[in-house]
Amino acid sequence: MNASRSKRQWLLEKPNLELVWLPEPKLTFAGGSLHINPKIGIPLFGPRSLNTPRHKGEVHIGFVGDINTIEKVRQFIDGCKRGLRAEDIENGSIAFPGLSSDLGYRFQIISSDETIEKITKADKDRILQNASRAEQFCGMLDLIEAKVKILCEKDHPLDYIFIVLEESIYENLRVVATVDPFSRKDTVQRDFRRALKARLMKYKKPTQIIRESTVSRERDEREMQDLATRAWNMFTAMYYKVGGLPWGLTDIEPATCFIGISFFRPYGESSFIRASIAQAFNEYGDGLILRGQKFKWDDELDKSPHLSETLAQQLIEDVLSRYQAEGKQLPRRVVIHKSSRFELEEREGFKKALSQIPEYDLVTVGTTGNFRLLRSGNYPPLRGTVLSTGNIHILYTTGYLPELGKYPHGHVPMPLRVADHYGDSTKTQLLKELFVLTKMNWNTADVDGAWPITLQFARAVGDILKEIPDDEIPEPKYIYYM
């Protein structure tokens, strides 16, 4: 063999790299007004659903918890009504504008002593004294559910319930090893918040679990955000959960259904897993939940689960059926986001289910491992930076924000890896959609989410679906999982 030819065969080809920057996506607010930042758009223009049937001018709230802790939450809410100044400007904090019919989200909060269910000292003693942590965990779940049931049966309007937890109780019961709640055999680690969310969704009332420290001015112990940021988070979630639309998407094709797919392992199942689905309907961002069929999976052989052709087809057909029931028509376009690669069987199943849809895209969205870009100067790469090589795209959804003039995080930003695209749209369109979907997390009003809400929804939902028995149909609305 020719020596020079042999040497050339070992030389790596020069990579074809393309570096572009996507401008920060704009969001729509009341009257179609545009801004990139919810914390500026809301005070200036009002929420997207203002002056529409979705907007509530009054939100009636109730409370379950220790009365002294409830009083602290009510005082915090009263302070929020008047507005809160930003105390952490260096990290991007923006003042909370207040809350009234003409401030902030443009609604008033209504509460009364009639919509409070106290957890008394006798209640706590009965559950917490002379009991194991597992017994305390289950007993507190039972107690709170009983109080919520009483509250929902009262002859008072009620839109929203705060579950107020004392810090000591929350810390003691946050994660506890208990007997599997369904098989009653194996011991499993259970999360109190997730278990409580699963328990309470049957009452059809949005809930917010709030810790005593959340409304405290002390920030050292939990490295809390400042009060203004906490207020933004609390009332953004509340407005969405009671039916409002805080802000809307831009540059999204009408009648597009975005689907996020993740997987979770049910309690007591060492060999079986399920798919969890979160789907956001077009520009309205309404999230619906589906639970996939249980299937066998050996994670010792393959760390990344995937569906069989039959299960993949069934899962997406169920999504389309739900979409049609809600919107009275099928979507014109479907985009599926998945964190693991699309295996051949899986892809064929999705394609069969989407055969009646004019356009669709299947996209793998994951992390990049240890890959990072470096930027000269004192700051990390700009949010929106995209490095493409072949069919792989590295997208920075966190990073330096020119609009803020800073990088409002203390960690090194980790970009997303976008690959395995099968479908009809251009890479530019897919990347822009992923980018704007990072701004649709209704648990916060931050301008720079790290993950598209499709996958963030699906992962969070799977943790709660664990707590729902096989013979129960999960509540389909995402507001009960938040």
Protein backbone atom coordinates (compact mmCIF):
# COMPACT_ATOMS: atom_id res chain seq x y z
CA MET A 1 0.00 0.00 0.00
CA ASN A 2 1.22 3.47 -0.82
CA ALA A 3 2.52 5.02 2.43
CA SER A 4 1.37 8.56 1.65
CA ARG A 5 -2.11 7.31 0.74
CA SER A 6 -2.32 5.32 3.99
CA LYS A 7 -1.36 8.41 5.95
CA ARG A 8 -4.03 10.52 4.22
CA GLN A 9 -6.72 8.01 5.20
CA TRP A 10 -6.04 8.72 8.86
CA LEU A 11 -6.35 12.48 8.51
CA LEU A 12 -9.62 13.95 9.81
CA GLU A 13 -11.70 15.95 7.40
CA LYS A 14 -11.95 19.63 8.16
CA PRO A 15 -15.30 20.21 9.92
CA ASN A 16 -17.81 22.50 8.26
CA LEU A 17 -18.88 24.88 11.04
CA GLU A 18 -21.53 27.60 10.93
CA LEU A 19 -22.02 30.10 13.75
CA VAL A 20 -25.14 32.29 13.90
CA TRP A 21 -27.04 34.24 16.53
CA LEU A 22 -30.82 34.17 17.02
CA PRO A 23 -32.23 37.44 18.38
CA GLU A 24 -34.18 37.20 21.63
CA PRO A 25 -37.76 36.14 20.73
CA LYS A 26 -40.53 38.64 21.31
CA LEU A 27 -43.71 37.77 23.18
CA THR A 28 -47.24 39.12 22.70
CA PHE A 29 -49.15 40.91 25.44
CA ALA A 30 -52.51 42.66 25.65
CA GLY A 31 -53.70 44.12 22.37
CA GLY A 32 -50.94 42.34 20.45
CA SER A 33 -48.19 44.51 21.95
CA LEU A 34 -44.69 43.01 21.77
CA HIS A 35 -41.74 42.82 24.14
CA ILE A 36 -39.01 40.28 24.87
CA ASN A 37 -39.34 40.43 28.67
CA PRO A 38 -42.54 39.45 30.55
CA LYS A 39 -41.50 41.58 33.53
CA ILE A 40 -41.61 44.64 31.31
CA GLY A 41 -44.44 43.65 28.96
CA ILE A 42 -46.91 42.86 31.78
CA PRO A 43 -46.61 46.26 33.55
CA LEU A 44 -46.64 48.19 30.26
CA PHE A 45 -49.40 46.41 28.36
CA GLY A 46 -51.10 43.85 30.60
CA PRO A 47 -51.35 40.08 30.09
CA ARG A 48 -52.14 38.59 26.68
CA SER A 49 -55.68 37.56 27.65
CA LEU A 50 -56.66 40.96 29.08
CA ASN A 51 -60.06 42.05 27.70
CA THR A 52 -60.85 38.52 26.54
CA PRO A 53 -63.13 35.84 28.09
CA ARG A 54 -60.04 34.13 29.56
CA HIS A 55 -59.23 37.05 31.84
CA LYS A 56 -60.46 37.01 35.44
CA GLY A 57 -60.88 40.39 37.11
CA GLU A 58 -61.16 38.71 40.51
CA VAL A 59 -59.43 35.61 41.84
CA HIS A 60 -60.99 34.07 44.96
CA ILE A 61 -58.38 32.25 47.03
CA GLY A 62 -58.52 29.82 49.93
CA PHE A 63 -55.95 28.51 52.40
CA VAL A 64 -55.14 25.23 54.14
CA GLY A 65 -52.48 25.25 56.85
CA ASP A 66 -51.30 26.51 60.22
CA ILE A 67 -53.11 29.79 60.92
CA ASN A 68 -49.98 31.71 61.95
CA THR A 69 -48.18 30.67 58.76
CA ILE A 70 -51.27 31.49 56.68
CA GLU A 71 -51.25 34.98 58.20
CA LYS A 72 -47.65 35.45 57.00
CA VAL A 73 -48.68 34.47 53.47
CA ARG A 74 -51.63 36.88 53.55
CA GLN A 75 -49.32 39.68 54.69
CA PHE A 76 -46.94 38.85 51.85
CA ILE A 77 -49.80 38.99 49.33
CA ASP A 78 -50.90 42.37 50.74
CA GLY A 79 -47.36 43.64 50.24
CA CYS A 80 -47.35 42.34 46.67
CA LYS A 81 -50.56 44.24 45.91
CA ARG A 82 -48.73 47.50 46.61
CA GLY A 83 -45.69 46.49 44.57
CA LEU A 84 -42.18 45.40 45.54
CA ARG A 85 -38.89 47.00 44.60
CA ALA A 86 -36.09 44.94 43.08
CA GLU A 87 -33.38 44.09 45.62
CA ASP A 88 -31.13 41.97 43.41
CA ILE A 89 -30.62 44.10 40.30
CA GLU A 90 -27.16 42.63 39.69
CA ASN A 91 -28.78 39.25 39.00
CA GLY A 92 -31.50 40.65 36.76
CA SER A 93 -34.24 41.28 39.32
CA ILE A 94 -37.02 43.62 38.19
CA ALA A 95 -39.55 45.31 40.48
CA PHE A 96 -42.97 43.72 40.88
CA PRO A 97 -45.53 46.33 39.72
CA GLY A 98 -48.31 45.53 42.17
CA LEU A 99 -51.62 43.79 41.75
CA SER A 100 -55.00 45.44 41.15
CA SER A 101 -57.51 45.97 38.37
CA ASP A 102 -55.08 48.32 36.63
CA LEU A 103 -51.67 47.05 37.79
CA GLY A 104 -49.62 43.98 36.92
CA TYR A 105 -51.81 41.09 35.84
CA ARG A 106 -54.88 43.31 36.24
CA PHE A 107 -56.87 41.25 38.71
CA GLN A 108 -57.84 41.59 42.34
CA ILE A 109 -57.34 38.90 44.96
CA ILE A 110 -60.36 38.17 47.12
CA SER A 111 -60.07 36.15 50.34
CA SER A 112 -62.01 35.80 53.55
CA ASP A 113 -61.86 33.89 56.82
CA GLU A 114 -64.59 31.63 55.43
CA THR A 115 -62.16 30.17 52.90
CA ILE A 116 -59.54 29.09 55.43
CA GLU A 117 -59.22 25.55 56.74
CA LYS A 118 -56.87 25.46 59.71
CA ILE A 119 -54.46 22.67 60.51
CA THR A 120 -54.58 22.86 64.29
CA LYS A 121 -51.99 21.88 66.86
CA ALA A 122 -54.18 18.90 67.79
CA ASP A 123 -54.22 17.85 64.10
CA LYS A 124 -50.42 17.99 63.92
CA ASP A 125 -49.92 16.21 67.24
CA ARG A 126 -52.21 13.38 66.19
CA ILE A 127 -50.14 12.79 63.04
CA LEU A 128 -46.59 13.69 64.03
CA GLN A 129 -46.26 12.36 67.56
CA ASN A 130 -45.18 8.75 68.15
CA ALA A 131 -45.20 7.93 64.44
CA SER A 132 -42.56 6.93 61.92
CA ARG A 133 -41.69 9.37 59.13
CA ALA A 134 -43.52 7.16 56.65
CA GLU A 135 -46.65 7.31 58.84
CA GLN A 136 -46.26 11.08 59.20
CA PHE A 137 -45.90 11.42 55.41
CA CYS A 138 -49.10 9.50 54.68
CA GLY A 139 -50.98 11.04 57.60
CA MET A 140 -50.21 14.59 56.50
CA LEU A 141 -51.32 13.78 52.95
CA ASP A 142 -54.63 12.47 54.32
CA LEU A 143 -55.09 15.50 56.57
CA ILE A 144 -54.46 18.10 53.86
CA GLU A 145 -56.72 16.28 51.41
CA ALA A 146 -59.52 16.20 54.00
CA LYS A 147 -59.14 19.97 54.60
CA VAL A 148 -59.17 20.70 50.85
CA LYS A 149 -62.32 18.60 50.44
CA ILE A 150 -64.08 20.62 53.17
CA LEU A 151 -62.94 23.87 51.55
CA CYS A 152 -64.24 22.85 48.12
CA GLU A 153 -67.64 21.89 49.57
CA LYS A 154 -68.23 25.32 51.14
CA ASP A 155 -70.77 27.64 49.59
CA HIS A 156 -68.19 30.25 48.59
CA PRO A 157 -66.59 31.02 45.22
CA LEU A 158 -63.11 29.56 45.07
CA ASP A 159 -60.61 29.75 42.19
CA TYR A 160 -57.30 28.86 43.84
CA ILE A 161 -56.02 27.17 47.00
CA PHE A 162 -52.77 27.84 48.85
CA ILE A 163 -51.43 24.84 50.78
CA VAL A 164 -49.28 26.54 53.41
CA LEU A 165 -46.58 24.38 55.01
CA GLU A 166 -44.49 25.23 58.04
CA GLU A 167 -40.79 24.94 57.32
CA SER A 168 -40.14 22.21 59.88
CA ILE A 169 -42.93 20.00 58.53
CA TYR A 170 -41.87 20.48 54.93
CA GLU A 171 -38.22 19.70 55.65
CA ASN A 172 -39.14 16.58 57.63
CA LEU A 173 -41.52 15.19 54.99
CA ARG A 174 -40.02 16.48 51.74
CA VAL A 175 -38.71 13.06 50.61
CA VAL A 176 -39.53 9.96 52.64
CA ALA A 177 -39.13 6.21 52.13
CA THR A 178 -42.56 4.58 52.36
CA VAL A 179 -44.17 1.32 51.32
CA ASP A 180 -45.21 1.41 47.66
CA PRO A 181 -48.68 3.03 47.81
CA PHE A 182 -50.08 0.60 45.22
CA SER A 183 -48.37 -2.79 45.56
CA ARG A 184 -47.87 -2.45 49.34
CA LYS A 185 -44.67 -4.49 48.95
CA ASP A 186 -41.52 -2.60 47.99
CA THR A 187 -40.12 0.49 49.70
CA VAL A 188 -39.98 3.58 47.46
CA GLN A 189 -38.75 7.14 47.83
CA ARG A 190 -41.72 9.53 47.63
CA ASP A 191 -41.76 13.29 47.19
CA PHE A 192 -44.37 15.06 49.35
CA ARG A 193 -45.17 17.81 46.85
CA ARG A 194 -45.68 15.37 43.96
CA ALA A 195 -47.79 13.03 46.07
CA LEU A 196 -49.96 15.93 47.25
CA LYS A 197 -50.46 17.26 43.72
CA ALA A 198 -51.62 13.81 42.60
CA ARG A 199 -54.02 13.57 45.54
CA LEU A 200 -55.63 16.97 45.10
CA MET A 201 -56.24 17.18 41.35
CA LYS A 202 -59.53 15.30 41.69
CA TYR A 203 -61.05 18.42 43.31
CA LYS A 204 -60.55 20.45 40.11
CA LYS A 205 -59.04 23.42 41.93
CA PRO A 206 -55.57 24.76 41.08
CA THR A 207 -53.26 24.63 44.09
CA GLN A 208 -50.02 26.29 45.13
CA ILE A 209 -47.88 24.60 47.78
CA ILE A 210 -46.07 27.40 49.57
CA ARG A 211 -43.44 27.09 52.27
CA GLU A 212 -43.15 29.46 55.19
CA SER A 213 -39.68 30.55 54.03
CA THR A 214 -41.05 31.58 50.60
CA VAL A 215 -42.72 34.65 52.11
CA SER A 216 -39.89 35.48 54.52
CA ARG A 217 -37.49 38.37 54.01
CA GLU A 218 -34.65 36.11 55.15
CA ARG A 219 -32.71 34.81 52.11
CA ASP A 220 -29.57 33.19 53.53
CA GLU A 221 -30.75 29.70 54.42
CA ARG A 222 -32.24 28.71 51.03
CA GLU A 223 -30.42 31.33 48.93
CA MET A 224 -33.85 32.68 48.08
CA GLN A 225 -34.53 35.07 45.25
CA ASP A 226 -35.56 38.56 46.31
CA LEU A 227 -39.19 39.25 47.21
CA ALA A 228 -39.97 40.90 43.88
CA THR A 229 -38.85 37.81 41.94
CA ARG A 230 -40.82 35.52 44.25
CA ALA A 231 -43.91 37.68 43.64
CA TRP A 232 -43.44 37.47 39.87
CA ASN A 233 -43.21 33.68 40.09
CA MET A 234 -46.23 33.32 42.37
CA PHE A 235 -48.65 35.50 40.41
CA THR A 236 -47.54 34.40 36.95
CA ALA A 237 -48.40 30.83 37.97
CA MET A 238 -51.66 31.93 39.59
CA TYR A 239 -52.83 33.88 36.54
CA TYR A 240 -52.22 30.93 34.23
CA LYS A 241 -53.73 28.34 36.59
CA VAL A 242 -57.02 30.25 36.87
CA GLY A 243 -57.36 30.34 33.08
CA GLY A 244 -55.44 33.43 31.95
CA LEU A 245 -52.73 33.65 29.30
CA PRO A 246 -49.81 35.71 30.66
CA TRP A 247 -48.16 36.15 27.26
CA GLY A 248 -48.32 34.56 23.83
CA LEU A 249 -45.89 33.11 21.31
CA THR A 250 -44.76 34.89 18.19
CA ASP A 251 -43.73 33.52 14.78
CA ILE A 252 -45.52 30.22 15.33
CA GLU A 253 -47.57 28.74 12.50
CA PRO A 254 -51.29 28.57 13.36
CA ALA A 255 -52.70 25.16 14.33
CA THR A 256 -49.29 23.77 15.33
CA CYS A 257 -49.29 21.17 18.10
CA PHE A 258 -46.00 20.88 20.02
CA ILE A 259 -45.50 17.58 21.82
CA GLY A 260 -42.88 16.72 24.43
CA ILE A 261 -42.17 13.07 25.24
CA SER A 262 -40.40 11.81 28.35
CA PHE A 263 -40.41 8.52 30.29
CA PHE A 264 -40.92 7.57 33.93
CA ARG A 265 -40.80 4.35 35.92
CA PRO A 266 -43.99 3.65 37.92
CA TYR A 267 -43.64 2.75 41.59
CA GLY A 268 -42.82 -0.90 42.23
CA GLU A 269 -41.86 -1.57 38.62
CA SER A 270 -38.26 -2.61 38.03
CA SER A 271 -38.83 -3.78 34.46
CA PHE A 272 -41.60 -1.51 33.14
CA ILE A 273 -41.79 2.19 32.30
CA ARG A 274 -44.35 4.56 30.80
CA ALA A 275 -44.20 7.56 28.51
CA SER A 276 -45.46 10.90 29.80
CA ILE A 277 -46.73 13.52 27.38
CA ALA A 278 -47.04 17.25 27.64
CA GLN A 279 -48.44 19.09 24.66
CA ALA A 280 -48.79 22.84 24.13
CA PHE A 281 -51.43 24.03 21.72
CA ASN A 282 -50.19 26.66 19.23
CA GLU A 283 -49.81 30.25 20.38
CA TYR A 284 -52.06 29.81 23.43
CA GLY A 285 -49.65 27.59 25.31
CA ASP A 286 -52.41 25.45 26.86
CA GLY A 287 -50.84 22.29 28.25
CA LEU A 288 -52.56 18.90 28.25
CA ILE A 289 -51.26 15.69 29.80
CA LEU A 290 -51.40 12.08 28.60
CA ARG A 291 -49.99 8.92 30.13
CA GLY A 292 -48.65 6.30 27.74
CA GLN A 293 -49.11 2.55 28.00
CA LYS A 294 -46.79 0.60 30.28
CA PHE A 295 -44.05 -1.32 28.46
CA LYS A 296 -41.10 -3.47 29.43
CA TRP A 297 -37.65 -1.91 29.45
CA ASP A 298 -34.28 -3.14 30.68
CA ASP A 299 -32.10 -0.12 31.44
CA GLU A 300 -29.10 -2.38 31.96
CA LEU A 301 -29.10 -3.08 28.23
CA ASP A 302 -30.03 0.38 26.97
CA LYS A 303 -30.02 3.58 29.02
CA SER A 304 -32.32 5.43 26.58
CA PRO A 305 -35.84 4.00 26.43
CA HIS A 306 -37.82 4.02 23.23
CA LEU A 307 -41.28 2.88 22.15
CA SER A 308 -42.24 0.03 19.90
CA GLU A 309 -43.85 0.93 16.59
CA THR A 310 -47.30 0.01 17.92
CA LEU A 311 -46.97 1.98 21.18
CA ALA A 312 -45.50 5.00 19.39
CA GLN A 313 -48.41 5.05 16.96
CA GLN A 314 -50.97 4.64 19.74
CA LEU A 315 -49.42 7.41 21.85
CA ILE A 316 -49.55 10.02 19.09
CA GLU A 317 -53.02 8.93 17.97
CA ASP A 318 -54.19 9.57 21.54
CA VAL A 319 -52.60 13.03 21.45
CA LEU A 320 -54.32 13.89 18.16
CA SER A 321 -57.64 12.63 19.48
CA ARG A 322 -57.32 14.88 22.53
CA TYR A 323 -56.29 17.83 20.36
CA GLN A 324 -59.33 17.34 18.13
CA ALA A 325 -61.66 17.06 21.13
CA GLU A 326 -60.33 20.34 22.56
CA GLY A 327 -59.95 22.33 19.34
CA LYS A 328 -62.66 20.72 17.19
CA GLN A 329 -60.15 20.02 14.45
CA LEU A 330 -56.85 18.26 13.89
CA PRO A 331 -53.64 20.28 13.89
CA ARG A 332 -52.20 21.31 10.56
CA ARG A 333 -48.68 20.71 11.83
CA VAL A 334 -47.17 18.57 14.62
CA VAL A 335 -43.71 18.93 16.18
CA ILE A 336 -42.45 16.19 18.52
CA HIS A 337 -39.59 16.94 20.91
CA LYS A 338 -37.86 14.00 22.56
CA SER A 339 -34.70 13.93 24.68
CA SER A 340 -33.53 10.52 23.39
CA ARG A 341 -32.89 9.51 19.80
CA PHE A 342 -35.72 8.34 17.56
CA GLU A 343 -35.17 4.63 16.95
CA LEU A 344 -36.39 3.18 13.65
CA GLU A 345 -39.43 1.39 15.11
CA GLU A 346 -40.42 4.42 17.10
CA ARG A 347 -40.08 6.72 14.13
CA GLU A 348 -42.20 4.47 11.93
CA GLY A 349 -44.94 4.42 14.56
CA PHE A 350 -44.97 8.20 14.80
CA LYS A 351 -45.07 8.54 11.03
CA LYS A 352 -48.07 6.20 10.76
CA ALA A 353 -49.95 8.18 13.43
CA LEU A 354 -49.15 11.44 11.60
CA SER A 355 -50.14 10.21 8.14
CA GLN A 356 -53.19 12.53 8.05
CA ILE A 357 -51.25 15.59 9.23
CA PRO A 358 -50.03 17.86 6.38
CA GLU A 359 -46.67 18.65 8.04
CA TYR A 360 -44.71 17.22 10.94
CA ASP A 361 -41.24 17.27 12.49
CA LEU A 362 -39.48 14.87 14.85
CA VAL A 363 -36.59 16.47 16.74
CA THR A 364 -34.18 15.16 19.38
CA VAL A 365 -33.33 17.80 22.00
CA GLY A 366 -30.74 16.89 24.62
CA THR A 367 -27.68 18.23 26.40
CA THR A 368 -24.19 18.47 24.94
CA GLY A 369 -22.24 16.83 27.73
CA ASN A 370 -18.93 18.65 28.22
CA PHE A 371 -19.03 20.68 25.01
CA ARG A 372 -18.77 24.45 25.51
CA LEU A 373 -18.09 27.54 23.41
CA LEU A 374 -15.76 30.23 24.75
CA ARG A 375 -16.20 33.92 24.10
CA SER A 376 -13.48 36.51 24.44
CA GLY A 377 -14.08 38.93 27.28
CA ASN A 378 -15.71 38.50 30.66
CA TYR A 379 -19.00 36.90 29.63
CA PRO A 380 -20.20 33.54 28.28
CA PRO A 381 -21.65 33.18 24.76
CA LEU A 382 -24.77 35.15 23.97
CA ARG A 383 -28.10 33.46 24.58
CA GLY A 384 -29.29 32.48 21.12
CA THR A 385 -25.86 31.46 19.82
CA VAL A 386 -26.09 28.47 17.44
CA LEU A 387 -23.13 26.39 16.28
CA SER A 388 -24.02 23.97 13.47
CA THR A 389 -21.96 21.15 12.07
CA GLY A 390 -23.75 18.94 9.60
CA ASN A 391 -27.12 17.96 11.04
CA ILE A 392 -26.17 18.76 14.65
CA HIS A 393 -26.94 22.17 16.15
CA ILE A 394 -25.68 23.47 19.49
CA LEU A 395 -28.14 26.06 20.83
CA TYR A 396 -27.35 28.31 23.80
CA THR A 397 -30.66 28.92 25.57
CA THR A 398 -28.82 30.44 28.53
CA GLY A 399 -25.98 32.92 28.24
CA TYR A 400 -25.21 36.62 28.10
CA LEU A 401 -28.30 38.77 27.45
CA PRO A 402 -27.52 42.00 25.56
CA GLU A 403 -30.94 43.41 26.52
CA LEU A 404 -30.07 43.08 30.22
CA GLY A 405 -26.38 43.81 29.74
CA LYS A 406 -25.44 40.84 31.89
CA TYR A 407 -25.54 37.09 32.40
CA PRO A 408 -28.05 36.65 35.27
CA HIS A 409 -26.81 33.25 36.49
CA GLY A 410 -23.82 32.05 38.48
CA HIS A 411 -23.15 28.78 36.66
CA VAL A 412 -21.51 28.04 33.33
CA PRO A 413 -24.30 27.97 30.71
CA MET A 414 -24.95 24.53 29.19
CA PRO A 415 -26.27 24.54 25.61
CA LEU A 416 -28.78 22.17 24.06
CA ARG A 417 -27.94 19.65 21.36
CA VAL A 418 -30.53 19.53 18.57
CA ALA A 419 -30.25 16.57 16.20
CA ASP A 420 -32.05 13.65 14.49
CA HIS A 421 -34.49 15.82 12.58
CA TYR A 422 -37.05 14.04 10.42
CA GLY A 423 -39.70 16.19 8.80
CA ASP A 424 -40.70 19.18 6.77
CA SER A 425 -39.38 22.36 8.41
CA THR A 426 -36.10 24.17 8.00
CA LYS A 427 -33.47 24.05 10.72
CA THR A 428 -33.91 27.81 11.22
CA GLN A 429 -37.61 27.44 11.89
CA LEU A 430 -37.09 24.56 14.32
CA LEU A 431 -34.38 26.39 16.25
CA LYS A 432 -36.44 29.59 16.50
CA GLU A 433 -39.40 27.60 17.80
CA LEU A 434 -37.28 25.83 20.38
CA PHE A 435 -35.89 29.18 21.45
CA VAL A 436 -39.26 30.88 21.97
CA LEU A 437 -40.63 27.80 23.76
CA THR A 438 -37.99 28.33 26.47
CA LYS A 439 -39.97 31.46 27.44
CA MET A 440 -43.24 29.61 28.10
CA ASN A 441 -42.69 28.32 31.64
CA TRP A 442 -45.68 29.63 33.59
CA ASN A 443 -44.01 28.95 36.95
CA THR A 444 -41.79 31.95 36.42
CA ALA A 445 -41.61 35.20 34.49
CA ASP A 446 -37.90 34.81 33.71
CA VAL A 447 -36.80 35.89 30.26
CA ASP A 448 -34.31 33.06 29.74
CA GLY A 449 -35.51 29.53 30.32
CA ALA A 450 -33.04 26.73 29.63
CA TRP A 451 -35.40 24.09 28.16
CA PRO A 452 -38.34 24.25 25.76
CA ILE A 453 -41.53 23.95 27.78
CA THR A 454 -42.52 20.79 25.91
CA LEU A 455 -39.76 18.71 27.50
CA GLN A 456 -39.79 20.59 30.79
CA PHE A 457 -43.53 19.84 31.12
CA ALA A 458 -43.14 16.17 30.21
CA ARG A 459 -40.42 15.54 32.81
CA ALA A 460 -42.24 17.33 35.62
CA VAL A 461 -45.49 15.56 34.80
CA GLY A 462 -43.88 12.11 34.87
CA ASP A 463 -42.83 12.62 38.49
CA ILE A 464 -46.46 13.23 39.50
CA LEU A 465 -47.93 10.50 37.29
CA LYS A 466 -46.00 7.99 39.43
CA GLU A 467 -48.44 8.77 42.22
CA ILE A 468 -51.57 7.99 40.17
CA PRO A 469 -52.78 4.36 40.18
CA ASP A 470 -52.99 2.41 36.95
CA ASP A 471 -56.79 2.20 37.16
CA GLU A 472 -57.22 5.99 37.42
CA ILE A 473 -57.26 8.26 34.37
CA PRO A 474 -54.90 11.20 35.04
CA GLU A 475 -56.36 14.68 34.94
CA PRO A 476 -55.47 16.01 31.46
CA LYS A 477 -54.98 19.72 32.30
CA TYR A 478 -51.44 20.77 33.10
CA ILE A 479 -52.58 23.42 35.60
CA TYR A 480 -53.14 20.66 38.18
CA TYR A 481 -49.54 19.45 37.88
CA MET A 482 -47.86 22.86 38.33
